[in-house]
Amino acid sequence: MRSQMLRSFAASPTGRIALALLLAGTVRAAAPNWIEHKDPQGFVVKHPPGWVVETPEKSMVVVHDASGNFEAIAYGFLARPEVTSRQWLEQRLAQKFAGHFPQAKLDAVAARGQNVSTVLLRYGSGFGEGRASVLCALSGGAGMMFAIAAPAFRFDDRKADLVEILRTFSVTGGGSGRGGSGRGGDASGVEWVRWSDPVEGAYSLEAPKGWKIEGGTSRRSAVDIKQWNRLTSPDGKTQIFQGDPGIPSMYMVPTQMMAQLGQREGQPSAPGSTVFILRFQPGVVYAQSWAQKIAGGAVQVKDQKERHDFEEMMRKFYPSTAVAQQVWSYGDVSFVTARGQAGYSLAGTSLTTVAGMSSWYVALLDGFVTPAEQSAQTFAVAMHVLSSTQANPQWQAAQQKTTAEVSRITHETAEYVSKIQSDSYWNRQKVQDRTNRNFDDSIRGVQRVVDPDTGREYEAVAGSNYYYRVHGTDRVVGTNSASTPNIDVTLLIPVK
């Protein structure tokens, strides 16, 4: 069990060295009024009054103040035997703890002993820049990570308290309750295999050995891409879903003008388009509708929650601008299917408004359907699959180049089409103006003629075959004879 792994690691020489290095020079005794938290998941930790202990995963303990900006984290994990502590910090830390350390920037990783490494990092916090000190130790594939984090301007004066929290942390074992605010479940007994996108090699993930894996990159155009996976257990009773290639690329929020043009909600914006017209749906609402899709029918919602933690993280990564207003909405739903299976769905949607026009898309879809007695473990497996997903840097670079090229071509094409449309419009306007003018002239009995030498236009009485201008005057003479009526005249050309 993972708790046994944590206990044995904490007692190992590497584990003791790791914690000692983190504590070196900063230890202070816990204040008398500190609260001792005994968790049913098998650990004990002390913290200041008003602080919160959470277990977002069974192998992770997070102790933080009421604002969530001061944190002490202990995390146990398993890694391949060949992975070093330096590699884990450089390759996994920022991704694994993106929710705690958004926009993380790591300093150079420093070796502190055999299989022990430390790193300092900076990140975006609710009080501006944040600082964190992280230590990682690995021994025979069993790993432990300790971290303390705070807003940069308070890091030094709160460091001792944060370290003391970790010093009081100890794994006692026992217990299988959920504890804290985290969800239950343990995937420690699962053997993992690395699976890569078979279509374009765009990404890879860790999946349980023996499970059937479907999915990859679904490309509708050079820049319209959906990446999805469906994992099925050997007995076929459990399915884990990530992404959905069948949903529209984007949604347009309906407007009165769309209605006047006959574009109705729920329909594509144009025949064959992958952009649909639909009012904005918050993440928790989309999660409910997607739950029915992955369950294959009606579901009974047992619990639903707006995930403001995800929203806050995305707002830090993608803030609104003066031109484009961005809204992020995330939510998850726990449900029961008509066949009595347990299910879970998580959805994130993003709404962008520019110049009064709004569009939105689905940023995240994740969920599963499983026998009720396996829901806790399936949740743990699904979260591991999600957190283990890694993008292929070469594919990303190539895609960015493709996107830039498509953007250039699209811009040039738009300019060309715009010019054609403009030229066509003004040509139509000229024809329309000329038609209207000819109609008006016919009513008035007027024929317009132009001097080919000067380009000047004149009006004459309609009904003649030939028109001449007498030199030195603006007088126009009409005749049906081809003979020149006067040598001092110029033949004029009728305007059609």
Protein backbone atom coordinates (compact mmCIF):
# COMPACT_ATOMS: atom_id res chain seq x y z
CA MET A 1 0.00 0.00 0.00
CA ARG A 2 1.16 3.59 -0.58
CA SER A 3 1.01 4.40 3.15
CA GLN A 4 3.41 1.54 3.88
CA MET A 5 5.74 2.85 1.17
CA LEU A 6 5.69 6.32 2.73
CA ARG A 7 6.34 4.97 6.19
CA SER A 8 9.29 2.84 5.10
CA PHE A 9 10.75 5.67 3.03
CA ALA A 10 10.43 8.20 5.86
CA ALA A 11 12.36 5.81 8.08
CA SER A 12 15.07 5.09 5.49
CA PRO A 13 18.48 6.80 5.53
CA THR A 14 17.61 8.70 2.36
CA GLY A 15 14.33 9.85 3.84
CA ARG A 16 15.97 11.05 7.07
CA ILE A 17 18.70 12.85 5.10
CA ALA A 18 16.09 14.50 2.89
CA LEU A 19 14.08 15.90 5.75
CA ALA A 20 17.19 16.91 7.67
CA LEU A 21 18.47 18.89 4.69
CA LEU A 22 15.19 20.74 4.33
CA LEU A 23 15.12 21.54 8.05
CA ALA A 24 18.78 22.49 8.39
CA GLY A 25 19.28 25.81 10.12
CA THR A 26 15.57 26.67 10.27
CA VAL A 27 14.09 24.46 12.98
CA ARG A 28 12.09 26.09 15.73
CA ALA A 29 9.85 24.34 18.25
CA ALA A 30 6.16 24.28 17.49
CA ALA A 31 4.28 26.89 19.50
CA PRO A 32 2.23 25.53 22.44
CA ASN A 33 -1.02 26.53 20.81
CA TRP A 34 -0.36 24.59 17.60
CA ILE A 35 -2.97 21.96 16.77
CA GLU A 36 -2.10 18.31 16.28
CA HIS A 37 -3.95 16.77 13.36
CA LYS A 38 -4.30 12.98 13.42
CA ASP A 39 -5.56 11.86 10.04
CA PRO A 40 -7.39 8.55 9.41
CA GLN A 41 -5.27 8.08 6.30
CA GLY A 42 -2.32 7.36 8.56
CA PHE A 43 -0.31 10.48 9.38
CA VAL A 44 0.10 13.12 12.05
CA VAL A 45 1.04 16.77 11.60
CA LYS A 46 0.95 19.93 13.73
CA HIS A 47 -0.05 23.35 12.44
CA PRO A 48 -0.95 26.88 13.66
CA PRO A 49 -4.58 27.58 14.67
CA GLY A 50 -6.85 28.33 11.73
CA TRP A 51 -4.72 26.41 9.23
CA VAL A 52 -6.16 23.60 7.10
CA VAL A 53 -4.93 20.08 6.38
CA GLU A 54 -5.94 18.60 3.03
CA THR A 55 -5.21 15.34 1.23
CA PRO A 56 -5.96 15.99 -2.47
CA GLU A 57 -4.38 12.59 -3.10
CA LYS A 58 -3.83 9.73 -0.69
CA SER A 59 -0.08 10.19 -0.99
CA MET A 60 -0.13 13.98 -0.66
CA VAL A 61 -0.59 16.19 2.39
CA VAL A 62 -1.06 19.95 2.02
CA VAL A 63 -1.14 22.20 5.10
CA HIS A 64 -2.02 25.83 4.39
CA ASP A 65 -3.35 28.99 5.99
CA ALA A 66 -6.89 30.27 5.43
CA SER A 67 -5.89 32.24 2.34
CA GLY A 68 -4.14 29.27 0.72
CA ASN A 69 -1.03 31.33 -0.03
CA PHE A 70 1.23 29.83 2.65
CA GLU A 71 1.74 26.08 2.13
CA ALA A 72 3.73 23.14 3.43
CA ILE A 73 3.49 20.04 1.23
CA ALA A 74 4.57 16.43 1.68
CA TYR A 75 4.15 14.10 -1.28
CA GLY A 76 5.08 10.44 -1.69
CA PHE A 77 5.31 8.85 -5.10
CA LEU A 78 6.60 5.95 -7.12
CA ALA A 79 8.95 6.34 -10.08
CA ARG A 80 10.89 4.10 -12.39
CA PRO A 81 14.08 2.89 -10.69
CA GLU A 82 16.30 4.67 -13.21
CA VAL A 83 14.75 8.10 -12.55
CA THR A 84 16.89 10.37 -10.39
CA SER A 85 15.71 13.04 -7.96
CA ARG A 86 17.17 15.71 -10.25
CA GLN A 87 15.22 14.35 -13.25
CA TRP A 88 12.00 14.20 -11.27
CA LEU A 89 12.32 17.84 -10.20
CA GLU A 90 13.24 19.03 -13.68
CA GLN A 91 10.65 16.98 -15.58
CA ARG A 92 7.69 16.38 -13.24
CA LEU A 93 7.55 19.04 -10.54
CA ALA A 94 6.06 21.94 -12.54
CA GLN A 95 3.43 19.71 -14.18
CA LYS A 96 2.47 17.78 -11.07
CA PHE A 97 2.06 20.91 -8.95
CA ALA A 98 0.77 23.35 -11.56
CA GLY A 99 -2.21 24.12 -9.33
CA HIS A 100 0.05 25.09 -6.42
CA PHE A 101 2.84 26.74 -8.42
CA PRO A 102 1.30 28.31 -11.56
CA GLN A 103 3.76 29.65 -14.13
CA ALA A 104 6.62 28.08 -12.18
CA LYS A 105 10.18 29.11 -13.04
CA LEU A 106 12.81 26.80 -11.59
CA ASP A 107 16.36 27.74 -10.66
CA ALA A 108 19.10 25.21 -11.34
CA VAL A 109 18.53 21.95 -9.47
CA ALA A 110 21.22 21.27 -6.86
CA ALA A 111 22.37 17.83 -5.66
CA ARG A 112 22.38 17.57 -1.83
CA GLY A 113 23.52 13.99 -1.37
CA GLN A 114 22.97 10.55 -2.82
CA ASN A 115 19.60 10.58 -4.65
CA VAL A 116 18.60 13.88 -2.98
CA SER A 117 18.13 17.19 -4.84
CA THR A 118 16.69 20.60 -4.08
CA VAL A 119 15.44 23.50 -6.15
CA LEU A 120 14.14 27.02 -5.60
CA LEU A 121 11.34 28.26 -7.79
CA ARG A 122 9.19 31.32 -8.36
CA TYR A 123 5.53 31.30 -9.36
CA GLY A 124 2.42 33.44 -9.58
CA SER A 125 0.56 33.79 -6.29
CA GLY A 126 -2.45 35.73 -5.04
CA PHE A 127 -0.02 38.32 -3.62
CA GLY A 128 2.18 38.71 -6.68
CA GLU A 129 5.30 36.62 -7.07
CA GLY A 130 5.58 33.53 -4.88
CA ARG A 131 8.65 31.61 -3.74
CA ALA A 132 9.02 27.93 -2.95
CA SER A 133 11.80 25.66 -1.71
CA VAL A 134 11.45 22.05 -2.82
CA LEU A 135 13.37 18.93 -1.90
CA CYS A 136 13.07 15.56 -3.62
CA ALA A 137 14.59 12.24 -2.59
CA LEU A 138 14.38 8.90 -4.39
CA SER A 139 15.39 5.48 -3.12
CA GLY A 140 14.73 2.38 -5.20
CA GLY A 141 11.83 3.99 -7.06
CA ALA A 142 10.15 5.26 -3.87
CA GLY A 143 10.15 9.02 -3.69
CA MET A 144 9.34 11.77 -1.23
CA MET A 145 8.97 15.46 -1.95
CA PHE A 146 8.80 18.26 0.63
CA ALA A 147 7.94 21.84 -0.29
CA ILE A 148 7.32 25.12 1.49
CA ALA A 149 5.80 28.06 -0.36
CA ALA A 150 4.71 31.63 0.38
CA PRO A 151 4.42 35.04 -1.29
CA ALA A 152 7.97 36.24 -1.99
CA PHE A 153 7.80 39.23 0.36
CA ARG A 154 6.80 36.98 3.29
CA PHE A 155 8.81 33.86 2.47
CA ASP A 156 11.82 34.54 4.72
CA ASP A 157 9.87 35.48 7.83
CA ARG A 158 7.45 32.51 7.53
CA LYS A 159 9.99 29.93 6.39
CA ALA A 160 10.73 28.62 9.89
CA ASP A 161 7.05 28.00 10.68
CA LEU A 162 6.51 26.20 7.35
CA VAL A 163 9.53 24.01 7.93
CA GLU A 164 8.37 23.24 11.47
CA ILE A 165 5.07 22.00 10.08
CA LEU A 166 6.96 19.51 7.93
CA ARG A 167 9.19 18.54 10.85
CA THR A 168 6.10 17.50 12.84
CA PHE A 169 4.79 15.45 9.93
CA SER A 170 5.05 11.69 10.41
CA VAL A 171 3.47 8.67 8.73
CA THR A 172 1.77 6.38 11.23
CA GLY A 173 0.16 3.93 8.81
CA GLY A 174 -3.27 2.35 9.17
CA GLY A 175 -6.58 3.77 8.15
CA SER A 176 -8.29 3.76 4.80
CA GLY A 177 -10.69 6.62 5.32
CA ARG A 178 -10.88 9.52 2.95
CA GLY A 179 -9.67 12.18 5.37
CA GLY A 180 -9.26 15.88 4.66
CA SER A 181 -11.05 17.24 1.62
CA GLY A 182 -9.46 14.91 -0.88
CA ARG A 183 -11.22 12.05 -2.65
CA GLY A 184 -10.50 8.49 -1.58
CA GLY A 185 -8.85 5.87 -3.70
CA ASP A 186 -5.45 4.33 -4.12
CA ALA A 187 -3.73 3.38 -7.34
CA SER A 188 -0.50 2.23 -5.69
CA GLY A 189 -1.01 -1.41 -6.68
CA VAL A 190 -1.37 -0.59 -10.37
CA GLU A 191 1.42 -1.41 -12.81
CA TRP A 192 1.82 1.43 -15.28
CA VAL A 193 2.93 1.43 -18.91
CA ARG A 194 3.76 4.44 -21.06
CA TRP A 195 1.42 4.84 -24.06
CA SER A 196 2.04 7.26 -26.96
CA ASP A 197 -0.38 8.92 -29.36
CA PRO A 198 -0.41 6.50 -32.35
CA VAL A 199 -1.68 9.11 -34.82
CA GLU A 200 0.83 11.96 -34.62
CA GLY A 201 2.94 11.17 -31.55
CA ALA A 202 1.75 14.44 -30.04
CA TYR A 203 1.70 13.23 -26.42
CA SER A 204 2.06 10.24 -24.14
CA LEU A 205 0.58 9.07 -20.83
CA GLU A 206 0.81 6.33 -18.24
CA ALA A 207 -1.99 3.74 -18.38
CA PRO A 208 -2.69 0.60 -16.31
CA LYS A 209 -0.99 -2.44 -17.82
CA GLY A 210 -3.41 -4.71 -19.68
CA TRP A 211 -6.03 -2.04 -20.31
CA LYS A 212 -7.31 -1.30 -23.81
CA ILE A 213 -6.38 2.21 -24.96
CA GLU A 214 -8.07 4.06 -27.81
CA GLY A 215 -7.53 7.60 -29.00
CA GLY A 216 -4.88 10.02 -30.15
CA THR A 217 -4.90 13.21 -32.16
CA SER A 218 -8.04 13.88 -34.21
CA ARG A 219 -7.35 16.59 -36.78
CA ARG A 220 -10.15 18.34 -38.64
CA SER A 221 -7.86 20.96 -40.13
CA ALA A 222 -4.35 22.26 -39.70
CA VAL A 223 -5.29 24.05 -36.48
CA ASP A 224 -8.56 22.34 -35.45
CA ILE A 225 -7.32 19.50 -33.25
CA LYS A 226 -8.94 17.27 -30.64
CA GLN A 227 -6.89 14.91 -28.49
CA TRP A 228 -8.80 12.15 -26.75
CA ASN A 229 -8.43 8.80 -25.01
CA ARG A 230 -10.69 6.02 -23.82
CA LEU A 231 -9.21 3.43 -21.47
CA THR A 232 -11.12 0.19 -20.82
CA SER A 233 -10.32 -2.29 -18.05
CA PRO A 234 -9.68 -5.94 -18.99
CA ASP A 235 -13.13 -6.98 -17.72
CA GLY A 236 -14.78 -4.18 -19.71
CA LYS A 237 -16.61 -2.82 -16.64
CA THR A 238 -14.57 0.35 -16.21
CA GLN A 239 -13.97 3.06 -18.79
CA ILE A 240 -11.95 6.24 -18.35
CA PHE A 241 -12.52 9.10 -20.80
CA GLN A 242 -10.31 12.06 -21.68
CA GLY A 243 -11.47 14.55 -24.30
CA ASP A 244 -14.11 13.98 -26.95
CA PRO A 245 -13.46 14.12 -30.73
CA GLY A 246 -17.18 14.35 -31.45
CA ILE A 247 -17.91 17.73 -29.91
CA PRO A 248 -17.95 20.95 -31.99
CA SER A 249 -14.72 22.87 -32.44
CA MET A 250 -16.32 26.01 -31.08
CA TYR A 251 -19.67 27.51 -30.15
CA MET A 252 -21.01 30.93 -31.13
CA VAL A 253 -23.31 32.65 -28.66
CA PRO A 254 -26.55 33.39 -30.59
CA THR A 255 -27.42 36.99 -31.44
CA GLN A 256 -30.44 38.76 -32.91
CA MET A 257 -28.60 39.19 -36.21
CA MET A 258 -27.98 35.42 -36.41
CA ALA A 259 -31.70 34.84 -35.89
CA GLN A 260 -32.53 37.31 -38.67
CA LEU A 261 -30.16 35.41 -40.98
CA GLY A 262 -31.93 32.15 -40.17
CA GLN A 263 -29.12 30.76 -37.99
CA ARG A 264 -30.78 28.84 -35.16
CA GLU A 265 -29.41 27.71 -31.80
CA GLY A 266 -28.22 24.11 -31.82
CA GLN A 267 -27.36 24.22 -35.53
CA PRO A 268 -23.98 24.65 -37.26
CA SER A 269 -23.13 28.23 -38.14
CA ALA A 270 -22.95 27.14 -41.81
CA PRO A 271 -23.60 23.86 -43.65
CA GLY A 272 -20.81 21.42 -42.83
CA SER A 273 -19.22 23.72 -40.25
CA THR A 274 -17.84 22.37 -36.95
CA VAL A 275 -18.78 25.65 -35.26
CA PHE A 276 -22.23 25.49 -33.64
CA ILE A 277 -24.57 28.16 -32.33
CA LEU A 278 -25.26 27.64 -28.63
CA ARG A 279 -25.60 29.73 -25.49
CA PHE A 280 -22.65 29.57 -23.11
CA GLN A 281 -22.65 26.65 -20.70
CA PRO A 282 -20.68 26.81 -17.43
CA GLY A 283 -18.35 23.89 -16.76
CA VAL A 284 -20.64 22.18 -14.26
CA VAL A 285 -23.55 22.31 -16.74
CA TYR A 286 -21.43 20.88 -19.56
CA ALA A 287 -20.17 18.19 -17.17
CA GLN A 288 -23.76 17.07 -16.58
CA SER A 289 -24.58 16.74 -20.28
CA TRP A 290 -21.27 14.98 -20.97
CA ALA A 291 -21.99 12.57 -18.11
CA GLN A 292 -25.05 11.35 -20.02
CA LYS A 293 -22.93 10.85 -23.13
CA ILE A 294 -20.22 8.73 -21.49
CA ALA A 295 -22.84 6.82 -19.50
CA GLY A 296 -24.86 6.08 -22.63
CA GLY A 297 -28.13 7.40 -21.22
CA ALA A 298 -29.81 9.19 -18.35
CA VAL A 299 -27.91 9.58 -15.08
CA GLN A 300 -28.77 10.51 -11.52
CA VAL A 301 -26.55 13.32 -10.28
CA LYS A 302 -25.37 12.65 -6.74
CA ASP A 303 -23.05 15.61 -6.28
CA GLN A 304 -21.85 18.59 -8.30
CA LYS A 305 -19.36 21.34 -7.62
CA GLU A 306 -17.99 24.43 -9.31
CA ARG A 307 -14.20 24.14 -9.43
CA HIS A 308 -13.04 27.64 -8.67
CA ASP A 309 -9.53 26.32 -8.03
CA PHE A 310 -9.19 25.41 -11.71
CA GLU A 311 -10.72 28.73 -12.76
CA GLU A 312 -8.27 30.75 -10.67
CA MET A 313 -5.34 28.86 -12.15
CA MET A 314 -6.52 29.48 -15.72
CA ARG A 315 -7.12 33.17 -15.07
CA LYS A 316 -3.49 33.49 -13.98
CA PHE A 317 -2.29 31.71 -17.11
CA TYR A 318 -4.63 33.49 -19.55
CA PRO A 319 -5.73 36.89 -18.19
CA SER A 320 -8.28 39.03 -20.00
CA THR A 321 -7.06 41.95 -22.09
CA ALA A 322 -8.52 45.30 -23.05
CA VAL A 323 -9.57 43.75 -26.38
CA ALA A 324 -10.71 40.28 -25.35
CA GLN A 325 -12.58 39.43 -22.15
CA GLN A 326 -11.96 35.83 -21.04
CA VAL A 327 -14.18 33.82 -18.68
CA TRP A 328 -13.16 30.35 -17.40
CA SER A 329 -15.67 27.97 -15.85
CA TYR A 330 -14.92 24.51 -14.42
CA GLY A 331 -17.11 22.01 -12.61
CA ASP A 332 -17.37 18.33 -11.79
CA VAL A 333 -20.27 15.92 -11.28
CA SER A 334 -20.58 12.57 -9.51
CA PHE A 335 -23.44 10.43 -10.81
CA VAL A 336 -25.05 6.99 -10.95
CA THR A 337 -26.03 5.39 -14.27
CA ALA A 338 -29.28 3.57 -15.04
CA ARG A 339 -27.36 0.28 -14.63
CA GLY A 340 -26.18 1.23 -11.15
CA GLN A 341 -22.62 2.13 -12.11
CA ALA A 342 -20.81 5.04 -10.50
CA GLY A 343 -19.53 7.85 -12.68
CA TYR A 344 -17.62 11.11 -12.60
CA SER A 345 -17.20 13.91 -15.14
CA LEU A 346 -15.09 17.06 -15.08
CA ALA A 347 -15.54 19.82 -17.66
CA GLY A 348 -13.99 23.21 -18.30
CA THR A 349 -15.36 25.84 -20.69
CA SER A 350 -13.92 29.14 -21.84
CA LEU A 351 -15.89 32.16 -23.08
CA THR A 352 -14.23 34.96 -25.07
CA THR A 353 -15.93 38.25 -25.92
CA VAL A 354 -14.48 40.64 -28.51
CA ALA A 355 -16.30 43.75 -29.75
CA GLY A 356 -19.62 42.48 -28.43
CA MET A 357 -19.36 39.07 -30.15
CA SER A 358 -18.96 36.01 -27.91
CA SER A 359 -17.69 32.51 -28.64
CA TRP A 360 -16.72 29.63 -26.38
CA TYR A 361 -15.12 26.21 -26.46
CA VAL A 362 -14.56 23.19 -24.22
CA ALA A 363 -11.10 23.38 -22.64
CA LEU A 364 -11.15 20.14 -20.62
CA LEU A 365 -13.14 16.90 -20.42
CA ASP A 366 -12.28 14.04 -18.08
CA GLY A 367 -14.39 11.31 -16.53
CA PHE A 368 -15.13 7.65 -15.97
CA VAL A 369 -17.84 5.02 -15.51
CA THR A 370 -17.16 2.06 -13.21
CA PRO A 371 -18.78 -0.43 -10.80
CA ALA A 372 -19.83 1.44 -7.64
CA GLU A 373 -17.45 -0.48 -5.37
CA GLN A 374 -14.48 0.52 -7.56
CA SER A 375 -15.22 4.24 -7.84
CA ALA A 376 -12.52 5.39 -5.38
CA GLN A 377 -9.74 3.41 -7.04
CA THR A 378 -10.94 4.37 -10.52
CA PHE A 379 -10.84 8.04 -9.53
CA ALA A 380 -7.23 7.60 -8.40
CA VAL A 381 -6.32 5.83 -11.64
CA ALA A 382 -8.02 8.52 -13.75
CA MET A 383 -6.17 11.29 -11.92
CA HIS A 384 -2.88 9.47 -12.38
CA VAL A 385 -3.50 9.09 -16.11
CA LEU A 386 -4.35 12.79 -16.37
CA SER A 387 -1.36 13.98 -14.34
CA SER A 388 1.04 11.69 -16.23
CA THR A 389 0.14 13.10 -19.65
CA GLN A 390 3.14 14.72 -21.33
CA ALA A 391 3.25 16.66 -24.61
CA ASN A 392 5.88 15.89 -27.23
CA PRO A 393 8.04 19.06 -27.50
CA GLN A 394 8.92 18.36 -31.16
CA TRP A 395 5.25 18.01 -32.08
CA GLN A 396 4.40 21.18 -30.19
CA ALA A 397 7.09 23.15 -32.01
CA ALA A 398 5.93 21.84 -35.39
CA GLN A 399 2.31 22.63 -34.57
CA GLN A 400 3.17 26.17 -33.52
CA LYS A 401 4.95 26.64 -36.85
CA THR A 402 1.91 25.24 -38.68
CA THR A 403 -0.40 27.54 -36.73
CA ALA A 404 1.75 30.56 -37.59
CA GLU A 405 1.82 29.61 -41.28
CA VAL A 406 -1.92 29.01 -41.35
CA SER A 407 -2.41 32.35 -39.63
CA ARG A 408 -0.31 34.07 -42.32
CA ILE A 409 -2.14 32.32 -45.16
CA THR A 410 -5.49 33.04 -43.53
CA HIS A 411 -4.58 36.71 -43.18
CA GLU A 412 -3.44 37.00 -46.80
CA THR A 413 -6.50 35.08 -48.01
CA ALA A 414 -8.77 37.28 -45.95
CA GLU A 415 -7.18 40.39 -47.44
CA TYR A 416 -7.54 38.98 -50.97
CA VAL A 417 -11.15 37.92 -50.39
CA SER A 418 -11.86 41.28 -48.82
CA LYS A 419 -10.43 43.04 -51.89
CA ILE A 420 -12.49 40.86 -54.23
CA GLN A 421 -15.61 41.50 -52.16
CA SER A 422 -14.86 45.23 -52.10
CA ASP A 423 -14.18 45.42 -55.82
CA SER A 424 -17.27 43.35 -56.52
CA TYR A 425 -19.38 45.54 -54.27
CA TRP A 426 -18.26 48.80 -55.86
CA ASN A 427 -18.61 47.35 -59.36
CA ARG A 428 -22.16 46.34 -58.46
CA GLN A 429 -22.73 49.81 -57.10
CA LYS A 430 -21.47 51.36 -60.35
CA VAL A 431 -23.71 49.14 -62.44
CA GLN A 432 -26.64 49.86 -60.14
CA ASP A 433 -25.94 53.61 -60.27
CA ARG A 434 -25.63 53.51 -64.04
CA THR A 435 -28.88 51.55 -64.40
CA ASN A 436 -30.70 54.00 -62.16
CA ARG A 437 -29.23 56.95 -64.02
CA ASN A 438 -30.18 55.50 -67.44
CA PHE A 439 -33.71 54.93 -66.21
CA ASP A 440 -33.89 58.52 -64.96
CA ASP A 441 -32.48 59.84 -68.27
CA SER A 442 -35.03 57.93 -70.30
CA ILE A 443 -37.84 59.41 -68.24
CA ARG A 444 -36.45 62.90 -68.86
CA GLY A 445 -35.73 62.25 -72.56
CA VAL A 446 -32.00 62.81 -72.08
CA GLN A 447 -29.01 61.10 -73.69
CA ARG A 448 -25.64 61.43 -71.97
CA VAL A 449 -22.62 61.79 -74.27
CA VAL A 450 -18.90 62.19 -73.61
CA ASP A 451 -16.12 64.03 -75.45
CA PRO A 452 -13.40 61.42 -76.21
CA ASP A 453 -10.70 64.13 -76.25
CA THR A 454 -11.47 65.74 -72.90
CA GLY A 455 -13.55 63.07 -71.16
CA ARG A 456 -16.15 65.68 -70.33
CA GLU A 457 -19.76 64.53 -70.23
CA TYR A 458 -22.74 66.39 -71.74
CA GLU A 459 -26.50 65.99 -71.83
CA ALA A 460 -28.38 66.04 -75.13
CA VAL A 461 -31.94 65.51 -76.31
CA ALA A 462 -32.48 61.79 -76.79
CA GLY A 463 -33.55 60.27 -80.12
CA SER A 464 -30.58 60.96 -82.44
CA ASN A 465 -28.11 58.46 -83.85
CA TYR A 466 -25.11 60.82 -83.74
CA TYR A 467 -24.11 63.68 -81.44
CA TYR A 468 -21.57 66.45 -82.04
CA ARG A 469 -20.18 69.29 -79.96
CA VAL A 470 -19.60 72.59 -81.69
CA HIS A 471 -16.05 73.79 -81.06
CA GLY A 472 -15.72 76.74 -78.70
CA THR A 473 -19.11 76.04 -77.08
CA ASP A 474 -20.90 73.46 -74.93
CA ARG A 475 -23.62 73.14 -77.53
CA VAL A 476 -24.45 69.55 -78.55
CA VAL A 477 -26.14 68.84 -81.88
CA GLY A 478 -27.95 65.61 -82.62
CA THR A 479 -28.48 64.11 -86.11
CA ASN A 480 -29.44 60.82 -87.73
CA SER A 481 -26.96 61.31 -90.58
CA ALA A 482 -23.36 60.13 -90.49
CA SER A 483 -22.35 63.28 -92.41
CA THR A 484 -20.57 65.84 -90.27
CA PRO A 485 -22.89 68.85 -89.89
CA ASN A 486 -19.96 71.27 -89.46
CA ILE A 487 -16.21 70.95 -89.80
CA ASP A 488 -15.76 72.63 -86.42
CA VAL A 489 -17.42 69.87 -84.40
CA THR A 490 -16.29 66.80 -82.42
CA LEU A 491 -18.11 63.46 -82.58
CA LEU A 492 -19.33 62.55 -79.10
CA ILE A 493 -19.80 59.05 -77.72
CA PRO A 494 -23.11 58.06 -76.13
CA VAL A 495 -22.82 56.80 -72.54
CA LYS A 496 -24.52 53.42 -72.07
